[in-house]
Amino acid sequence: MDSTEIAKLKALDEQIQIIKAAAEELKKQAGGIQAAECNADRILASAKMLEINFSDLLAVL
C-alpha cells in the first residue's frame, strides 16, 4: 500500500471519528427522546462498521 492510499485511509478515519463523536453528542443531548437515542445508536453501529473496515486497517499498517 503506497503513501497516497494510506493518506486516504487516514482522511477516512478522521471523518469516521467526527461522525462517531457527533452521534455520541446527539445521544447525550437527546435527553430521553427515544427516537433520537435509537437513531444515534444506529449511527454509532454504522460508524463501528466503518472503523472495522478502515480505521482498524490503519492500526495494522
PDB file of N, CA and C in Angstrom:
ATOM      1  N   MET A   1       0.858  -1.173   0.000  1.00  0.00           N
ATOM      2  CA  MET A   1       0.000   0.000   0.000  1.00  0.00           C
ATOM      3  C   MET A   1       0.902   1.234   0.000  1.00  0.00           C
ATOM      4  N   ASP A   2       0.646   2.145  -0.931  1.00  0.00           N
ATOM      5  CA  ASP A   2       1.517   3.313  -1.032  1.00  0.00           C
ATOM      6  C   ASP A   2       1.036   4.451  -0.123  1.00  0.00           C
ATOM      7  N   SER A   3       1.826   5.491  -0.065  1.00  0.00           N
ATOM      8  CA  SER A   3       1.546   6.596   0.856  1.00  0.00           C
ATOM      9  C   SER A   3       0.260   7.338   0.510  1.00  0.00           C
ATOM     10  N   THR A   4      -0.119   7.374  -0.769  1.00  0.00           N
ATOM     11  CA  THR A   4      -1.367   8.025  -1.165  1.00  0.00           C
ATOM     12  C   THR A   4      -2.566   7.272  -0.608  1.00  0.00           C
ATOM     13  N   GLU A   5      -2.519   5.957  -0.692  1.00  0.00           N
ATOM     14  CA  GLU A   5      -3.610   5.140  -0.159  1.00  0.00           C
ATOM     15  C   GLU A   5      -3.694   5.262   1.357  1.00  0.00           C
ATOM     16  N   ILE A   6      -2.552   5.294   2.013  1.00  0.00           N
ATOM     17  CA  ILE A   6      -2.525   5.451   3.475  1.00  0.00           C
ATOM     18  C   ILE A   6      -3.081   6.814   3.857  1.00  0.00           C
ATOM     19  N   ALA A   7      -2.756   7.844   3.118  1.00  0.00           N
ATOM     20  CA  ALA A   7      -3.291   9.181   3.382  1.00  0.00           C
ATOM     21  C   ALA A   7      -4.811   9.196   3.233  1.00  0.00           C
ATOM     22  N   LYS A   8      -5.320   8.488   2.224  1.00  0.00           N
ATOM     23  CA  LYS A   8      -6.770   8.394   2.041  1.00  0.00           C
ATOM     24  C   LYS A   8      -7.423   7.685   3.221  1.00  0.00           C
ATOM     25  N   LEU A   9      -6.795   6.610   3.693  1.00  0.00           N
ATOM     26  CA  LEU A   9      -7.314   5.891   4.849  1.00  0.00           C
ATOM     27  C   LEU A   9      -7.328   6.780   6.090  1.00  0.00           C
ATOM     28  N   LYS A  10      -6.280   7.573   6.268  1.00  0.00           N
ATOM     29  CA  LYS A  10      -6.221   8.485   7.410  1.00  0.00           C
ATOM     30  C   LYS A  10      -7.326   9.535   7.330  1.00  0.00           C
ATOM     31  N   ALA A  11      -7.587  10.049   6.122  1.00  0.00           N
ATOM     32  CA  ALA A  11      -8.657  11.031   5.941  1.00  0.00           C
ATOM     33  C   ALA A  11     -10.013  10.399   6.234  1.00  0.00           C
ATOM     34  N   LEU A  12     -10.205   9.171   5.774  1.00  0.00           N
ATOM     35  CA  LEU A  12     -11.453   8.461   6.078  1.00  0.00           C
ATOM     36  C   LEU A  12     -11.601   8.250   7.576  1.00  0.00           C
ATOM     37  N   ASP A  13     -10.514   7.850   8.222  1.00  0.00           N
ATOM     38  CA  ASP A  13     -10.550   7.639   9.669  1.00  0.00           C
ATOM     39  C   ASP A  13     -10.936   8.914  10.408  1.00  0.00           C
ATOM     40  N   GLU A  14     -10.399  10.048   9.987  1.00  0.00           N
ATOM     41  CA  GLU A  14     -10.743  11.324  10.628  1.00  0.00           C
ATOM     42  C   GLU A  14     -12.241  11.589  10.511  1.00  0.00           C
ATOM     43  N   GLN A  15     -12.805  11.355   9.339  1.00  0.00           N
ATOM     44  CA  GLN A  15     -14.235  11.581   9.135  1.00  0.00           C
ATOM     45  C   GLN A  15     -15.071  10.605   9.953  1.00  0.00           C
ATOM     46  N   ILE A  16     -14.631   9.370  10.045  1.00  0.00           N
ATOM     47  CA  ILE A  16     -15.336   8.376  10.853  1.00  0.00           C
ATOM     48  C   ILE A  16     -15.361   8.814  12.310  1.00  0.00           C
ATOM     49  N   GLN A  17     -14.242   9.316  12.808  1.00  0.00           N
ATOM     50  CA  GLN A  17     -14.182   9.757  14.203  1.00  0.00           C
ATOM     51  C   GLN A  17     -15.087  10.970  14.440  1.00  0.00           C
ATOM     52  N   ILE A  18     -15.190  11.849  13.457  1.00  0.00           N
ATOM     53  CA  ILE A  18     -16.083  13.003  13.564  1.00  0.00           C
ATOM     54  C   ILE A  18     -17.541  12.533  13.637  1.00  0.00           C
ATOM     55  N   ILE A  19     -17.894  11.575  12.772  1.00  0.00           N
ATOM     56  CA  ILE A  19     -19.255  11.025  12.781  1.00  0.00           C
ATOM     57  C   ILE A  19     -19.564  10.383  14.127  1.00  0.00           C
ATOM     58  N   LYS A  20     -18.613   9.614  14.620  1.00  0.00           N
ATOM     59  CA  LYS A  20     -18.793   8.928  15.897  1.00  0.00           C
ATOM     60  C   LYS A  20     -18.989   9.929  17.042  1.00  0.00           C
ATOM     61  N   ALA A  21     -18.165  10.946  17.081  1.00  0.00           N
ATOM     62  CA  ALA A  21     -18.270  11.961  18.135  1.00  0.00           C
ATOM     63  C   ALA A  21     -19.602  12.704  18.040  1.00  0.00           C
ATOM     64  N   ALA A  22     -20.033  13.019  16.822  1.00  0.00           N
ATOM     65  CA  ALA A  22     -21.306  13.727  16.638  1.00  0.00           C
ATOM     66  C   ALA A  22     -22.472  12.859  17.090  1.00  0.00           C
ATOM     67  N   ALA A  23     -22.445  11.580  16.782  1.00  0.00           N
ATOM     68  CA  ALA A  23     -23.515  10.679  17.197  1.00  0.00           C
ATOM     69  C   ALA A  23     -23.543  10.513  18.712  1.00  0.00           C
ATOM     70  N   GLU A  24     -22.371  10.444  19.326  1.00  0.00           N
ATOM     71  CA  GLU A  24     -22.316  10.349  20.789  1.00  0.00           C
ATOM     72  C   GLU A  24     -22.879  11.615  21.436  1.00  0.00           C
ATOM     73  N   GLU A  25     -22.554  12.770  20.874  1.00  0.00           N
ATOM     74  CA  GLU A  25     -23.079  14.041  21.394  1.00  0.00           C
ATOM     75  C   GLU A  25     -24.594  14.117  21.198  1.00  0.00           C
ATOM     76  N   LEU A  26     -25.080  13.682  20.055  1.00  0.00           N
ATOM     77  CA  LEU A  26     -26.519  13.651  19.793  1.00  0.00           C
ATOM     78  C   LEU A  26     -27.228  12.788  20.823  1.00  0.00           C
ATOM     79  N   LYS A  27     -26.660  11.642  21.102  1.00  0.00           N
ATOM     80  CA  LYS A  27     -27.265  10.735  22.086  1.00  0.00           C
ATOM     81  C   LYS A  27     -27.300  11.379  23.471  1.00  0.00           C
ATOM     82  N   LYS A  28     -26.223  12.065  23.839  1.00  0.00           N
ATOM     83  CA  LYS A  28     -26.199  12.752  25.137  1.00  0.00           C
ATOM     84  C   LYS A  28     -27.254  13.846  25.210  1.00  0.00           C
ATOM     85  N   GLN A  29     -27.398  14.605  24.125  1.00  0.00           N
ATOM     86  CA  GLN A  29     -28.323  15.728  24.118  1.00  0.00           C
ATOM     87  C   GLN A  29     -29.775  15.309  23.902  1.00  0.00           C
ATOM     88  N   ALA A  30     -30.009  14.060  23.549  1.00  0.00           N
ATOM     89  CA  ALA A  30     -31.363  13.591  23.270  1.00  0.00           C
ATOM     90  C   ALA A  30     -32.267  13.717  24.494  1.00  0.00           C
ATOM     91  N   GLY A  31     -31.672  13.659  25.664  1.00  0.00           N
ATOM     92  CA  GLY A  31     -32.436  13.870  26.890  1.00  0.00           C
ATOM     93  C   GLY A  31     -33.628  12.945  27.048  1.00  0.00           C
ATOM     94  N   GLY A  32     -33.440  11.690  26.716  1.00  0.00           N
ATOM     95  CA  GLY A  32     -34.502  10.716  26.904  1.00  0.00           C
ATOM     96  C   GLY A  32     -35.470  10.600  25.739  1.00  0.00           C
ATOM     97  N   ILE A  33     -35.248  11.359  24.677  1.00  0.00           N
ATOM     98  CA  ILE A  33     -36.108  11.231  23.499  1.00  0.00           C
ATOM     99  C   ILE A  33     -35.700   9.947  22.789  1.00  0.00           C
ATOM    100  N   GLN A  34     -36.563   8.952  22.903  1.00  0.00           N
ATOM    101  CA  GLN A  34     -36.231   7.609  22.451  1.00  0.00           C
ATOM    102  C   GLN A  34     -35.863   7.542  20.974  1.00  0.00           C
ATOM    103  N   ALA A  35     -36.582   8.261  20.123  1.00  0.00           N
ATOM    104  CA  ALA A  35     -36.300   8.210  18.685  1.00  0.00           C
ATOM    105  C   ALA A  35     -34.888   8.714  18.391  1.00  0.00           C
ATOM    106  N   ALA A  36     -34.493   9.797  19.043  1.00  0.00           N
ATOM    107  CA  ALA A  36     -33.159  10.353  18.822  1.00  0.00           C
ATOM    108  C   ALA A  36     -32.081   9.405  19.348  1.00  0.00           C
ATOM    109  N   GLU A  37     -32.311   8.853  20.530  1.00  0.00           N
ATOM    110  CA  GLU A  37     -31.331   7.937  21.105  1.00  0.00           C
ATOM    111  C   GLU A  37     -31.179   6.677  20.251  1.00  0.00           C
ATOM    112  N   CYS A  38     -32.293   6.148  19.778  1.00  0.00           N
ATOM    113  CA  CYS A  38     -32.270   4.940  18.953  1.00  0.00           C
ATOM    114  C   CYS A  38     -31.531   5.191  17.636  1.00  0.00           C
ATOM    115  N   ASN A  39     -31.829   6.306  17.009  1.00  0.00           N
ATOM    116  CA  ASN A  39     -31.158   6.613  15.746  1.00  0.00           C
ATOM    117  C   ASN A  39     -29.682   6.914  15.954  1.00  0.00           C
ATOM    118  N   ALA A  40     -29.335   7.546  17.068  1.00  0.00           N
ATOM    119  CA  ALA A  40     -27.928   7.783  17.383  1.00  0.00           C
ATOM    120  C   ALA A  40     -27.206   6.449  17.557  1.00  0.00           C
ATOM    121  N   ASP A  41     -27.870   5.488  18.199  1.00  0.00           N
ATOM    122  CA  ASP A  41     -27.276   4.155  18.350  1.00  0.00           C
ATOM    123  C   ASP A  41     -27.039   3.501  16.992  1.00  0.00           C
ATOM    124  N   ARG A  42     -27.971   3.697  16.068  1.00  0.00           N
ATOM    125  CA  ARG A  42     -27.800   3.138  14.719  1.00  0.00           C
ATOM    126  C   ARG A  42     -26.617   3.788  14.005  1.00  0.00           C
ATOM    127  N   ILE A  43     -26.487   5.095  14.181  1.00  0.00           N
ATOM    128  CA  ILE A  43     -25.346   5.797  13.578  1.00  0.00           C
ATOM    129  C   ILE A  43     -24.044   5.266  14.172  1.00  0.00           C
ATOM    130  N   LEU A  44     -24.033   5.073  15.483  1.00  0.00           N
ATOM    131  CA  LEU A  44     -22.834   4.556  16.144  1.00  0.00           C
ATOM    132  C   LEU A  44     -22.499   3.144  15.659  1.00  0.00           C
ATOM    133  N   ALA A  45     -23.526   2.326  15.419  1.00  0.00           N
ATOM    134  CA  ALA A  45     -23.284   0.974  14.908  1.00  0.00           C
ATOM    135  C   ALA A  45     -22.674   1.041  13.505  1.00  0.00           C
ATOM    136  N   SER A  46     -23.180   1.947  12.692  1.00  0.00           N
ATOM    137  CA  SER A  46     -22.621   2.110  11.345  1.00  0.00           C
ATOM    138  C   SER A  46     -21.196   2.634  11.410  1.00  0.00           C
ATOM    139  N   ALA A  47     -20.940   3.565  12.321  1.00  0.00           N
ATOM    140  CA  ALA A  47     -19.583   4.091  12.487  1.00  0.00           C
ATOM    141  C   ALA A  47     -18.637   2.981  12.934  1.00  0.00           C
ATOM    142  N   LYS A  48     -19.135   2.078  13.770  1.00  0.00           N
ATOM    143  CA  LYS A  48     -18.308   0.955  14.219  1.00  0.00           C
ATOM    144  C   LYS A  48     -17.927   0.066  13.034  1.00  0.00           C
ATOM    145  N   MET A  49     -18.871  -0.176  12.138  1.00  0.00           N
ATOM    146  CA  MET A  49     -18.572  -0.980  10.947  1.00  0.00           C
ATOM    147  C   MET A  49     -17.527  -0.273  10.077  1.00  0.00           C
ATOM    148  N   LEU A  50     -17.647   1.039   9.951  1.00  0.00           N
ATOM    149  CA  LEU A  50     -16.649   1.797   9.200  1.00  0.00           C
ATOM    150  C   LEU A  50     -15.280   1.694   9.862  1.00  0.00           C
ATOM    151  N   GLU A  51     -15.266   1.748  11.190  1.00  0.00           N
ATOM    152  CA  GLU A  51     -13.996   1.592  11.912  1.00  0.00           C
ATOM    153  C   GLU A  51     -13.374   0.236  11.621  1.00  0.00           C
ATOM    154  N   ILE A  52     -14.204  -0.791  11.637  1.00  0.00           N
ATOM    155  CA  ILE A  52     -13.694  -2.140  11.361  1.00  0.00           C
ATOM    156  C   ILE A  52     -13.119  -2.198   9.947  1.00  0.00           C
ATOM    157  N   ASN A  53     -13.805  -1.559   9.005  1.00  0.00           N
ATOM    158  CA  ASN A  53     -13.367  -1.610   7.611  1.00  0.00           C
ATOM    159  C   ASN A  53     -12.137  -0.738   7.322  1.00  0.00           C
ATOM    160  N   PHE A  54     -12.042   0.413   7.965  1.00  0.00           N
ATOM    161  CA  PHE A  54     -10.985   1.365   7.610  1.00  0.00           C
ATOM    162  C   PHE A  54     -10.029   1.675   8.759  1.00  0.00           C
ATOM    163  N   SER A  55     -10.561   2.086   9.896  1.00  0.00           N
ATOM    164  CA  SER A  55      -9.711   2.521  10.991  1.00  0.00           C
ATOM    165  C   SER A  55      -8.831   1.401  11.520  1.00  0.00           C
ATOM    166  N   ASP A  56      -9.408   0.195  11.655  1.00  0.00           N
ATOM    167  CA  ASP A  56      -8.629  -0.926  12.144  1.00  0.00           C
ATOM    168  C   ASP A  56      -7.535  -1.319  11.160  1.00  0.00           C
ATOM    169  N   LEU A  57      -7.771  -1.085   9.887  1.00  0.00           N
ATOM    170  CA  LEU A  57      -6.748  -1.368   8.878  1.00  0.00           C
ATOM    171  C   LEU A  57      -5.527  -0.477   9.089  1.00  0.00           C
ATOM    172  N   LEU A  58      -5.772   0.768   9.493  1.00  0.00           N
ATOM    173  CA  LEU A  58      -4.649   1.680   9.752  1.00  0.00           C
ATOM    174  C   LEU A  58      -3.777   1.178  10.893  1.00  0.00           C
ATOM    175  N   ALA A  59      -4.384   0.558  11.896  1.00  0.00           N
ATOM    176  CA  ALA A  59      -3.621   0.052  13.030  1.00  0.00           C
ATOM    177  C   ALA A  59      -2.647  -1.045  12.590  1.00  0.00           C
ATOM    178  N   VAL A  60      -3.051  -1.806  11.594  1.00  0.00           N
ATOM    179  CA  VAL A  60      -2.203  -2.881  11.090  1.00  0.00           C
ATOM    180  C   VAL A  60      -1.048  -2.320  10.269  1.00  0.00           C
ATOM    181  N   LEU A  61      -1.327  -1.242   9.555  1.00  0.00           N
ATOM    182  CA  LEU A  61      -0.301  -0.643   8.704  1.00  0.00           C
ATOM    183  C   LEU A  61       0.642   0.137   9.580  1.00  0.00           C
TER     184      LEU A  61
END
